[in-house]
Amino acid sequence: MSEKKTHPHCPICRAEVALLDQNKAFPFCSERCKSEDLGKWFGGAYLVPGRSASPEEIVEEVRRPRQDD
């Protein structure tokens, strides 16, 4: 019995997606879908939960020494 290989689907258009070694736009099916997804991030269609940080908080966080575990 042979195993059927399944490919992932593009999150934008739902087309089958070739794997990374065959597709530079992975996990998207094309550069067009990759660009459309990036545009959604820039346009605010996707949000990461949490509160917004002020520019001062960001600078403080970046300058804070890391504590390695």
Protein backbone atom coordinates (compact mmCIF):
# COMPACT_ATOMS: atom_id res chain seq x y z
CA MET A 1 0.00 0.00 0.00
CA SER A 2 1.45 3.37 -0.95
CA GLU A 3 1.13 6.45 1.19
CA LYS A 4 -0.50 9.43 -0.42
CA LYS A 5 1.63 12.54 0.05
CA THR A 6 -0.34 15.55 1.12
CA HIS A 7 0.79 19.10 0.60
CA PRO A 8 -0.14 22.03 2.80
CA HIS A 9 -2.56 24.63 1.51
CA CYS A 10 -1.92 28.33 0.98
CA PRO A 11 -3.43 30.36 3.83
CA ILE A 12 -4.61 33.02 1.34
CA CYS A 13 -6.11 31.16 -1.64
CA ARG A 14 -6.19 27.56 -0.28
CA ALA A 15 -4.29 26.16 -3.32
CA GLU A 16 -1.89 23.28 -2.70
CA VAL A 17 1.59 24.51 -1.87
CA ALA A 18 4.84 22.95 -3.03
CA LEU A 19 7.31 22.38 -0.22
CA LEU A 20 10.13 24.80 0.59
CA ASP A 21 12.76 23.07 -1.54
CA GLN A 22 10.53 23.65 -4.59
CA ASN A 23 8.83 26.93 -3.65
CA LYS A 24 10.57 30.10 -2.42
CA ALA A 25 7.20 31.59 -1.36
CA PHE A 26 6.48 28.75 1.11
CA PRO A 27 4.15 28.53 3.04
CA PHE A 28 2.28 30.45 0.35
CA CYS A 29 1.62 29.19 -3.18
CA SER A 30 3.09 32.28 -4.86
CA GLU A 31 4.76 35.63 -4.30
CA ARG A 32 1.37 37.26 -4.93
CA CYS A 33 -0.23 35.45 -2.00
CA LYS A 34 2.84 36.11 0.15
CA SER A 35 2.56 39.84 -0.62
CA GLU A 36 -1.18 39.84 0.04
CA ASP A 37 -0.58 38.32 3.48
CA LEU A 38 2.10 40.92 4.27
CA GLY A 39 -0.34 43.64 3.23
CA LYS A 40 -2.90 42.25 5.68
CA TRP A 41 -0.35 42.50 8.49
CA PHE A 42 0.51 46.09 7.53
CA GLY A 43 -3.17 46.98 7.20
CA GLY A 44 -4.05 45.69 10.67
CA ALA A 45 -6.13 42.70 9.53
CA TYR A 46 -4.01 40.46 11.76
CA LEU A 47 -3.27 41.42 15.34
CA VAL A 48 -1.12 39.88 18.05
CA PRO A 49 -3.03 39.91 21.35
CA GLY A 50 -1.77 42.20 24.07
CA ARG A 51 -1.45 45.86 24.81
CA SER A 52 0.54 48.27 22.67
CA ALA A 53 3.89 49.42 24.02
CA SER A 54 4.96 53.04 23.98
CA PRO A 55 8.20 53.95 22.17
CA GLU A 56 9.79 54.58 25.58
CA GLU A 57 8.86 51.09 26.80
CA ILE A 58 10.35 49.54 23.67
CA VAL A 59 13.65 51.41 24.12
CA GLU A 60 13.75 50.39 27.80
CA GLU A 61 13.14 46.74 26.90
CA VAL A 62 15.84 46.73 24.22
CA ARG A 63 18.39 48.32 26.54
CA ARG A 64 17.61 46.01 29.47
CA PRO A 65 20.34 43.38 29.99
CA ARG A 66 19.20 39.85 29.19
CA GLN A 67 19.07 37.36 32.00
CA ASP A 68 20.09 33.99 30.63
CA ASP A 69 18.26 31.03 32.14
